[in-house]
């Protein structure tokens, strides 16, 4: 048995890389990957490009009139094309760089991400020019002609990589329910990350998506019901503290509880009402590309957080159903790939990606239609903004790489039992592994 400490990332990841080193998946014959992941991801990105082309000029005009800026009509479209190119490069990089090489540096990636968040916080307090401040929050580095960088997205990716390795190693020892060796270190990492994202950067939506990543991995690791209830209760308390510690979050909850019985002077109420109006105006088939009224200045954040409502106005109810169907299809492919992996660590990485993508979609859509209090969070692959797209596609690229080594259902049970099914606390799959798998 070996011990892993979250406080020794270099040692932890070295152990993880050495013990994994693709030994459990390179014994599986490399086969055709899951191209449906690329298909659904690509369709969503193209839809985002279409909507930016349609509403970009209107958004540029609104900002120019409001802030005296000088955005061209093609600014948002060109920026989205650039983000898409960089995101595709990120996807293919993660799809072809060997997975064990990436995990070897997961600890360093985590330290760099935390360091970037710390640097942003210090720069914001010092009012340095490259710490971009928007609406009272400092969440981005201003990189001039290169755009901006949101370190919280890098932190989510780093937490995904590191936790998959750390928790997976513990699960292979049957220690995923051990508080001292497993759950407390994960809790410390999560709380530190949330302090940067939610408290310092004032971004509750991104914080919730990070919780979605960690919780998804904990569930798949085989956490027992008692510990899961304890973690959910602790998460609820922490979330409540984050809300009551911030006046604007309390206002959003109050606005949500009042429903439609709110004042037009309430910014949160105005945002939700305009989002609902946009979706309702779209009717069954939408007003058509380029005919959006709400994007001309009525609906705040039309190109990013509110893009779902704009798409409802543009493409109608049928269009929104199609968009949600694409997200559902992509999420189902992730679940399928997770279910067909032999190594628990690889299962956890795909589970975390599923939680990341799913949390963003649920939070964004639910807030736009008034099911939950308003929260600012992007709709993955569709919203304007490069950092989010780059790191989401990076995670999807890793899943795509792992799909080369998924195990066919006809033999998966034997493969999983041989590797970790007999460990206490990890359930055995109902499937079996692939032709080409050999016992080590």
Protein backbone atom coordinates (compact mmCIF):
# COMPACT_ATOMS: atom_id res chain seq x y z
CA UNK A 1 0.00 0.00 0.00
CA UNK A 2 1.12 3.54 -0.64
CA UNK A 3 -0.02 6.76 0.93
CA UNK A 4 -0.99 9.85 -1.01
CA UNK A 5 -1.10 13.37 0.44
CA UNK A 6 -2.74 16.33 -1.22
CA UNK A 7 -0.10 18.45 0.49
CA UNK A 8 2.60 16.68 -1.54
CA UNK A 9 1.36 17.17 -5.11
CA UNK A 10 4.67 16.28 -6.72
CA UNK A 11 4.87 13.00 -4.85
CA UNK A 12 1.19 12.29 -5.40
CA UNK A 13 1.27 12.82 -9.15
CA UNK A 14 4.57 11.00 -9.57
CA UNK A 15 3.03 8.00 -7.86
CA UNK A 16 -0.12 8.35 -9.95
CA UNK A 17 1.81 8.55 -13.21
CA UNK A 18 4.08 5.65 -12.31
CA UNK A 19 1.27 3.38 -11.17
CA UNK A 20 -0.91 4.25 -14.12
CA UNK A 21 1.45 5.00 -17.00
CA UNK A 22 -1.28 3.74 -19.29
CA UNK A 23 -0.51 0.20 -18.07
CA UNK A 24 -4.17 -0.62 -17.69
CA UNK A 25 -5.34 0.92 -20.94
CA UNK A 26 -2.47 0.32 -23.34
CA UNK A 27 -3.10 -3.40 -22.83
CA UNK A 28 -6.38 -2.63 -24.59
CA UNK A 29 -6.05 -2.45 -28.34
CA UNK A 30 -6.30 1.14 -29.60
CA UNK A 31 -9.46 1.47 -31.63
CA UNK A 32 -11.69 4.00 -33.36
CA UNK A 33 -12.50 6.88 -30.96
CA UNK A 34 -15.92 8.33 -30.24
CA UNK A 35 -16.32 10.85 -33.06
CA UNK A 36 -19.81 11.73 -31.84
CA UNK A 37 -18.11 13.77 -29.10
CA UNK A 38 -16.47 15.88 -31.81
CA UNK A 39 -19.72 16.08 -33.80
CA UNK A 40 -21.90 17.38 -30.97
CA UNK A 41 -19.19 19.71 -29.69
CA UNK A 42 -18.63 21.10 -33.19
CA UNK A 43 -22.34 21.69 -33.84
CA UNK A 44 -22.69 23.64 -30.60
CA UNK A 45 -19.64 25.75 -31.39
CA UNK A 46 -20.97 26.53 -34.88
CA UNK A 47 -24.33 27.61 -33.41
CA UNK A 48 -22.45 29.95 -31.10
CA UNK A 49 -20.63 31.37 -34.08
CA UNK A 50 -23.92 31.96 -35.94
CA UNK A 51 -25.49 33.80 -33.01
CA UNK A 52 -22.40 35.99 -32.52
CA UNK A 53 -22.50 36.92 -36.21
CA UNK A 54 -26.18 37.82 -35.87
CA UNK A 55 -26.14 39.88 -32.68
CA UNK A 56 -22.52 41.09 -32.62
CA UNK A 57 -23.18 44.39 -34.43
CA UNK A 58 -26.10 45.19 -32.10
CA UNK A 59 -24.05 44.39 -29.02
CA UNK A 60 -21.14 46.53 -30.28
CA UNK A 61 -23.52 49.44 -30.90
CA UNK A 62 -24.97 49.17 -27.38
CA UNK A 63 -21.51 49.21 -25.77
CA UNK A 64 -20.31 52.07 -27.94
CA UNK A 65 -23.30 54.21 -26.98
CA UNK A 66 -23.16 53.30 -23.29
CA UNK A 67 -19.43 53.48 -22.63
CA UNK A 68 -18.03 55.48 -25.55
CA UNK A 69 -16.04 52.49 -26.78
CA UNK A 70 -15.11 51.90 -30.41
CA UNK A 71 -16.10 48.30 -31.16
CA UNK A 72 -16.54 47.46 -34.84
CA UNK A 73 -19.58 45.57 -36.14
CA UNK A 74 -17.49 42.43 -36.59
CA UNK A 75 -15.67 42.61 -33.23
CA UNK A 76 -17.65 39.91 -31.41
CA UNK A 77 -17.76 37.59 -34.41
CA UNK A 78 -14.00 37.85 -35.04
CA UNK A 79 -13.26 37.33 -31.33
CA UNK A 80 -15.53 34.28 -31.28
CA UNK A 81 -13.79 32.84 -34.36
CA UNK A 82 -10.43 33.37 -32.65
CA UNK A 83 -11.70 31.71 -29.46
CA UNK A 84 -13.03 28.79 -31.49
CA UNK A 85 -9.67 28.27 -33.23
CA UNK A 86 -7.77 28.34 -29.93
CA UNK A 87 -10.36 26.02 -28.35
CA UNK A 88 -10.02 23.51 -31.19
CA UNK A 89 -6.23 23.65 -30.80
CA UNK A 90 -6.74 22.95 -27.08
CA UNK A 91 -9.06 20.04 -27.87
CA UNK A 92 -6.64 18.37 -30.28
CA UNK A 93 -3.67 19.00 -28.00
CA UNK A 94 -5.41 17.17 -25.16
CA UNK A 95 -6.62 14.50 -27.58
CA UNK A 96 -3.12 13.60 -28.80
CA UNK A 97 -0.70 14.38 -25.94
CA UNK A 98 -0.44 11.07 -24.01
CA UNK A 99 -2.66 11.09 -20.97
CA UNK A 100 0.06 9.87 -18.61
CA UNK A 101 2.25 12.79 -19.66
CA UNK A 102 -0.54 15.22 -18.74
CA UNK A 103 -1.17 13.61 -15.35
CA UNK A 104 2.55 13.70 -14.63
CA UNK A 105 2.29 17.48 -14.43
CA UNK A 106 -1.18 17.71 -12.83
CA UNK A 107 0.29 18.89 -9.53
CA UNK A 108 2.26 21.64 -11.24
CA UNK A 109 -0.79 22.68 -13.27
CA UNK A 110 -2.73 22.96 -10.02
CA UNK A 111 -0.04 25.11 -8.41
CA UNK A 112 0.11 27.38 -11.47
CA UNK A 113 -3.68 27.79 -11.44
CA UNK A 114 -3.76 28.65 -7.73
CA UNK A 115 -0.83 31.01 -8.26
CA UNK A 116 -2.68 32.74 -11.10
CA UNK A 117 -5.75 33.23 -8.89
CA UNK A 118 -3.55 34.61 -6.12
CA UNK A 119 -1.80 36.98 -8.53
CA UNK A 120 -5.16 38.20 -9.82
CA UNK A 121 -6.36 38.87 -6.27
CA UNK A 122 -3.22 40.83 -5.37
CA UNK A 123 -3.36 42.76 -8.67
CA UNK A 124 -7.00 43.63 -8.07
CA UNK A 125 -6.32 44.94 -4.57
CA UNK A 126 -3.40 46.97 -5.92
CA UNK A 127 -5.54 48.32 -8.80
CA UNK A 128 -3.01 47.21 -11.39
CA UNK A 129 -4.02 47.81 -15.00
CA UNK A 130 -3.85 44.18 -16.13
CA UNK A 131 -6.38 43.10 -13.47
CA UNK A 132 -9.62 43.69 -15.36
CA UNK A 133 -12.46 44.90 -13.12
CA UNK A 134 -16.04 44.60 -14.35
CA UNK A 135 -19.18 45.37 -12.36
CA UNK A 136 -17.25 45.38 -9.07
CA UNK A 137 -15.59 41.99 -9.67
CA UNK A 138 -12.01 41.17 -10.66
CA UNK A 139 -12.11 37.89 -12.57
CA UNK A 140 -9.86 38.38 -15.60
CA UNK A 141 -6.33 39.28 -16.58
CA UNK A 142 -6.36 41.95 -19.26
CA UNK A 143 -3.86 40.77 -21.87
CA UNK A 144 -4.34 43.68 -24.27
CA UNK A 145 -4.55 42.60 -27.94
CA UNK A 146 -4.63 38.95 -26.83
CA UNK A 147 -7.91 39.49 -24.98
CA UNK A 148 -8.45 38.36 -21.40
CA UNK A 149 -7.77 35.26 -19.30
CA UNK A 150 -10.03 33.97 -16.52
CA UNK A 151 -7.84 31.96 -14.10
CA UNK A 152 -10.84 30.33 -12.40
CA UNK A 153 -11.39 28.25 -15.56
CA UNK A 154 -7.79 27.06 -15.41
CA UNK A 155 -8.32 26.22 -11.74
CA UNK A 156 -11.34 24.06 -12.54
CA UNK A 157 -9.33 22.13 -15.12
CA UNK A 158 -6.46 21.68 -12.66
CA UNK A 159 -8.80 20.48 -9.90
CA UNK A 160 -10.32 18.01 -12.37
CA UNK A 161 -6.92 16.53 -13.27
CA UNK A 162 -5.54 16.43 -9.74
CA UNK A 163 -8.64 15.10 -8.00
CA UNK A 164 -9.12 12.35 -10.58
CA UNK A 165 -5.59 11.11 -9.85
CA UNK A 166 -5.71 11.55 -6.10
CA UNK A 167 -9.20 10.14 -5.54
CA UNK A 168 -8.65 7.38 -8.08
CA UNK A 169 -5.50 6.22 -6.30
CA UNK A 170 -7.37 6.15 -3.01
CA UNK A 171 -10.32 4.31 -4.56
CA UNK A 172 -7.99 1.61 -5.89
CA UNK A 173 -6.90 1.07 -2.28
CA UNK A 174 -10.51 0.98 -1.08
CA UNK A 175 -9.97 4.20 0.91
CA UNK A 176 -12.38 6.55 -0.86
CA UNK A 177 -14.47 6.75 2.34
CA UNK A 178 -11.51 7.46 4.61
CA UNK A 179 -11.99 10.97 6.03
CA UNK A 180 -8.43 11.59 7.14
CA UNK A 181 -6.60 10.29 4.07
CA UNK A 182 -9.11 11.10 1.34
CA UNK A 183 -12.13 13.29 2.09
CA UNK A 184 -10.45 15.94 4.27
CA UNK A 185 -7.66 16.64 1.73
CA UNK A 186 -10.25 16.90 -1.08
CA UNK A 187 -12.37 19.20 1.09
CA UNK A 188 -9.37 21.44 1.79
CA UNK A 189 -8.53 21.73 -1.91
CA UNK A 190 -12.15 22.46 -2.78
CA UNK A 191 -12.58 25.12 -0.07
CA UNK A 192 -9.32 26.86 -1.05
CA UNK A 193 -10.47 26.92 -4.67
CA UNK A 194 -13.90 28.24 -3.69
CA UNK A 195 -12.36 31.00 -1.58
CA UNK A 196 -10.54 32.28 -4.65
CA UNK A 197 -13.50 31.91 -7.01
CA UNK A 198 -16.51 32.78 -4.86
CA UNK A 199 -15.11 35.11 -2.19
CA UNK A 200 -12.27 36.94 -3.95
CA UNK A 201 -13.49 36.83 -7.56
CA UNK A 202 -17.17 37.02 -6.52
CA UNK A 203 -18.22 34.34 -9.00
CA UNK A 204 -20.73 32.02 -7.35
CA UNK A 205 -21.80 30.38 -10.62
CA UNK A 206 -18.29 29.21 -11.44
CA UNK A 207 -17.91 28.05 -7.84
CA UNK A 208 -21.04 25.90 -8.14
CA UNK A 209 -19.70 24.32 -11.34
CA UNK A 210 -16.45 23.45 -9.51
CA UNK A 211 -18.52 21.77 -6.80
CA UNK A 212 -20.29 19.86 -9.59
CA UNK A 213 -16.92 18.56 -10.81
CA UNK A 214 -15.84 17.33 -7.36
CA UNK A 215 -19.21 15.86 -6.37
CA UNK A 216 -19.49 13.93 -9.65
CA UNK A 217 -16.13 12.29 -9.01
CA UNK A 218 -17.00 11.49 -5.39
CA UNK A 219 -20.21 9.77 -6.45
CA UNK A 220 -18.48 7.61 -9.07
CA UNK A 221 -15.61 6.74 -6.69
CA UNK A 222 -18.01 4.67 -4.60
CA UNK A 223 -18.63 7.01 -1.69
CA UNK A 224 -21.11 5.49 0.77
CA UNK A 225 -24.49 7.10 1.44
CA UNK A 226 -23.58 8.33 4.92
CA UNK A 227 -20.51 10.22 3.75
CA UNK A 228 -22.34 11.56 0.72
CA UNK A 229 -25.09 12.99 2.93
CA UNK A 230 -22.47 14.57 5.19
CA UNK A 231 -20.76 16.17 2.19
CA UNK A 232 -24.04 17.41 0.72
CA UNK A 233 -25.02 18.92 4.06
CA UNK A 234 -21.61 20.62 4.41
CA UNK A 235 -21.95 21.92 0.83
CA UNK A 236 -25.40 23.34 1.62
CA UNK A 237 -24.06 25.15 4.69
CA UNK A 238 -21.09 26.52 2.76
CA UNK A 239 -23.35 27.70 -0.06
CA UNK A 240 -25.64 29.44 2.42
CA UNK A 241 -22.67 31.24 3.97
CA UNK A 242 -21.51 32.39 0.55
CA UNK A 243 -24.97 33.80 -0.18
CA UNK A 244 -25.62 35.61 3.12
CA UNK A 245 -22.10 37.10 3.08
CA UNK A 246 -22.86 39.01 -0.13
CA UNK A 247 -25.68 41.63 -0.35
CA UNK A 248 -26.16 41.25 -4.11
CA UNK A 249 -26.63 37.48 -3.75
CA UNK A 250 -29.22 38.04 -1.04
CA UNK A 251 -30.99 40.49 -3.37
CA UNK A 252 -31.07 37.88 -6.11
CA UNK A 253 -32.58 35.28 -3.78
CA UNK A 254 -35.20 37.79 -2.59
CA UNK A 255 -36.01 38.67 -6.21
CA UNK A 256 -36.40 34.98 -7.02
CA UNK A 257 -38.72 34.39 -4.04
CA UNK A 258 -40.92 37.34 -5.07
CA UNK A 259 -41.38 35.87 -8.52
CA UNK A 260 -43.02 38.29 -10.97
CA UNK A 261 -44.14 40.59 -8.15
CA UNK A 262 -41.03 42.79 -8.29
CA UNK A 263 -40.13 46.35 -9.18
CA UNK A 264 -38.66 47.35 -12.54
CA UNK A 265 -35.91 49.12 -10.58
CA UNK A 266 -34.70 45.73 -9.37
CA UNK A 267 -31.78 44.86 -11.67
CA UNK A 268 -32.14 41.12 -11.11
CA UNK A 269 -35.87 41.22 -11.79
CA UNK A 270 -35.32 43.28 -14.94
CA UNK A 271 -32.77 40.76 -16.24
CA UNK A 272 -35.06 37.77 -15.72
CA UNK A 273 -38.10 39.56 -17.17
CA UNK A 274 -36.18 40.50 -20.31
CA UNK A 275 -34.83 36.95 -20.65
CA UNK A 276 -38.34 35.50 -20.40
CA UNK A 277 -39.60 38.10 -22.85
CA UNK A 278 -36.89 37.10 -25.32
CA UNK A 279 -37.75 33.41 -25.08
CA UNK A 280 -41.48 34.11 -25.28
CA UNK A 281 -41.06 36.41 -28.28
CA UNK A 282 -39.43 33.59 -30.20
CA UNK A 283 -42.62 31.56 -30.24
CA UNK A 284 -42.41 28.16 -31.86
CA UNK A 285 -39.86 28.79 -34.61
CA UNK A 286 -38.21 32.10 -33.63
CA UNK A 287 -37.94 35.51 -35.26
CA UNK A 288 -35.01 34.43 -37.43
CA UNK A 289 -31.28 35.15 -37.50
CA UNK A 290 -30.53 38.87 -37.33
CA UNK A 291 -34.02 39.87 -36.16
CA UNK A 292 -33.48 39.82 -32.40
CA UNK A 293 -34.90 42.84 -30.56
CA UNK A 294 -33.72 41.97 -27.05
CA UNK A 295 -30.07 42.01 -28.11
CA UNK A 296 -30.31 45.69 -29.06
CA UNK A 297 -29.83 46.72 -25.43
CA UNK A 298 -32.83 45.40 -23.56
CA UNK A 299 -31.33 42.12 -22.32
CA UNK A 300 -28.10 42.43 -20.27
CA UNK A 301 -25.12 40.24 -21.19
CA UNK A 302 -26.77 39.16 -24.45
CA UNK A 303 -23.60 37.61 -25.87
CA UNK A 304 -22.53 35.52 -22.88
CA UNK A 305 -24.65 34.72 -19.80
CA UNK A 306 -27.95 35.46 -21.58
CA UNK A 307 -27.18 33.81 -24.92
CA UNK A 308 -29.73 31.03 -24.23
CA UNK A 309 -32.54 33.59 -24.09
CA UNK A 310 -31.33 35.24 -27.31
CA UNK A 311 -31.27 31.85 -28.99
CA UNK A 312 -34.83 31.30 -27.80
CA UNK A 313 -35.86 34.55 -29.46
CA UNK A 314 -33.92 33.73 -32.64
CA UNK A 315 -34.69 30.03 -33.09
CA UNK A 316 -37.87 29.63 -31.03
CA UNK A 317 -38.98 26.75 -28.83
CA UNK A 318 -38.06 24.16 -31.46
CA UNK A 319 -34.57 25.62 -31.72
CA UNK A 320 -34.04 25.58 -27.95
CA UNK A 321 -35.18 21.95 -27.78
CA UNK A 322 -32.67 21.08 -30.50
CA UNK A 323 -29.87 22.90 -28.64
CA UNK A 324 -30.69 21.13 -25.38
CA UNK A 325 -30.84 17.83 -27.29
CA UNK A 326 -27.28 18.44 -28.51
CA UNK A 327 -26.09 19.05 -24.96
CA UNK A 328 -27.93 15.95 -23.76
CA UNK A 329 -26.41 13.85 -26.53
CA UNK A 330 -22.91 15.10 -25.65
CA UNK A 331 -23.45 14.37 -21.95
CA UNK A 332 -24.73 10.88 -22.77
CA UNK A 333 -21.58 10.18 -24.80
CA UNK A 334 -19.52 11.16 -21.75
CA UNK A 335 -21.51 8.77 -19.58
CA UNK A 336 -21.03 5.98 -22.09
CA UNK A 337 -17.28 6.53 -22.24
CA UNK A 338 -17.11 6.66 -18.44
CA UNK A 339 -18.99 3.38 -18.17
CA UNK A 340 -16.60 1.67 -20.61
CA UNK A 341 -13.32 2.57 -18.89
CA UNK A 342 -11.37 -0.02 -16.92
CA UNK A 343 -9.31 2.27 -14.69
CA UNK A 344 -11.24 4.07 -11.94
CA UNK A 345 -9.00 7.13 -12.35
CA UNK A 346 -10.07 7.51 -15.95
CA UNK A 347 -13.70 7.03 -14.96
CA UNK A 348 -13.33 9.84 -12.46
CA UNK A 349 -11.83 12.22 -14.99
CA UNK A 350 -14.74 11.66 -17.38
CA UNK A 351 -17.22 11.94 -14.49
CA UNK A 352 -15.70 15.30 -13.52
CA UNK A 353 -15.99 16.52 -17.12
CA UNK A 354 -19.63 15.44 -17.12
CA UNK A 355 -20.24 17.35 -13.88
CA UNK A 356 -18.47 20.43 -15.27
CA UNK A 357 -20.47 20.55 -18.50
CA UNK A 358 -23.76 19.53 -16.86
CA UNK A 359 -23.50 22.11 -14.08
CA UNK A 360 -22.94 24.94 -16.57
CA UNK A 361 -25.89 23.93 -18.74
CA UNK A 362 -28.30 23.42 -15.85
CA UNK A 363 -27.36 26.64 -14.04
CA UNK A 364 -27.44 28.81 -17.16
CA UNK A 365 -30.72 27.49 -18.54
CA UNK A 366 -32.48 27.33 -15.17
CA UNK A 367 -31.52 30.91 -14.30
CA UNK A 368 -32.66 32.24 -17.71
CA UNK A 369 -36.13 30.73 -17.35
CA UNK A 370 -36.50 31.66 -13.67
CA UNK A 371 -36.24 28.22 -12.07
CA UNK A 372 -33.36 29.32 -9.82
CA UNK A 373 -32.04 32.71 -8.69
CA UNK A 374 -30.11 34.59 -11.36
CA UNK A 375 -26.45 33.62 -11.53
CA UNK A 376 -23.79 34.61 -14.01
CA UNK A 377 -22.40 31.57 -15.79
CA UNK A 378 -21.62 30.81 -19.41
CA UNK A 379 -23.45 28.35 -21.61
CA UNK A 380 -20.58 26.04 -22.67
CA UNK A 381 -19.40 26.27 -26.30
CA UNK A 382 -22.08 28.84 -27.14
CA UNK A 383 -21.42 31.92 -25.00
CA UNK A 384 -18.94 34.63 -25.98
CA UNK A 385 -15.68 34.23 -24.10
CA UNK A 386 -12.55 32.29 -24.91
CA UNK A 387 -11.22 31.06 -21.57
CA UNK A 388 -14.28 28.99 -20.72
CA UNK A 389 -14.43 27.46 -24.19
CA UNK A 390 -10.71 26.63 -24.22
CA UNK A 391 -10.72 24.68 -20.95
CA UNK A 392 -14.06 22.94 -21.58
CA UNK A 393 -12.77 21.71 -24.94
CA UNK A 394 -9.49 20.67 -23.29
CA UNK A 395 -11.44 18.41 -20.92
CA UNK A 396 -13.47 17.05 -23.83
CA UNK A 397 -10.22 16.42 -25.70
CA UNK A 398 -9.01 14.21 -22.86
CA UNK A 399 -12.26 12.25 -22.94
CA UNK A 400 -11.89 11.86 -26.71
CA UNK A 401 -8.37 10.48 -26.20
CA UNK A 402 -9.61 8.00 -23.60
CA UNK A 403 -12.35 6.85 -25.98
CA UNK A 404 -9.54 5.21 -28.02
CA UNK A 405 -9.15 2.76 -25.13
CA UNK A 406 -12.72 2.18 -23.98
CA UNK A 407 -13.60 -1.44 -23.35
CA UNK A 408 -16.35 -3.21 -25.25
CA UNK A 409 -19.40 -4.20 -23.13
CA UNK A 410 -18.99 -7.89 -23.95
CA UNK A 411 -15.94 -8.29 -21.67
CA UNK A 412 -15.87 -5.25 -19.37
CA UNK A 413 -16.95 -7.04 -16.17
CA UNK A 414 -13.94 -9.33 -16.14
CA UNK A 415 -11.56 -6.45 -16.85
CA UNK A 416 -12.99 -4.24 -14.12
CA UNK A 417 -13.13 -7.04 -11.59
CA UNK A 418 -9.50 -7.85 -12.26
CA UNK A 419 -8.43 -4.24 -11.73
CA UNK A 420 -10.60 -2.85 -8.96
CA UNK A 421 -13.95 -4.59 -8.70
CA UNK A 422 -12.93 -6.66 -5.69
CA UNK A 423 -11.90 -3.56 -3.72
CA UNK A 424 -14.26 -2.66 -0.94
CA UNK A 425 -16.57 0.24 -1.71
CA UNK A 426 -16.31 0.15 -5.51
CA UNK A 427 -19.23 -1.40 -7.27
CA UNK A 428 -18.76 -3.79 -10.16
CA UNK A 429 -19.98 -2.76 -13.57
CA UNK A 430 -22.88 -4.49 -15.24
CA UNK A 431 -20.78 -4.57 -18.44
CA UNK A 432 -17.72 -6.50 -19.55
CA UNK A 433 -14.22 -5.37 -21.41
CA UNK A 434 -12.99 -5.51 -24.92
CA UNK A 435 -11.28 -7.77 -27.27
CA UNK A 436 -7.61 -7.07 -26.97
CA UNK A 437 -7.64 -6.68 -23.18
CA UNK A 438 -5.06 -8.85 -21.42
CA UNK A 439 -4.64 -9.43 -17.73
CA UNK A 440 -1.51 -7.92 -16.18
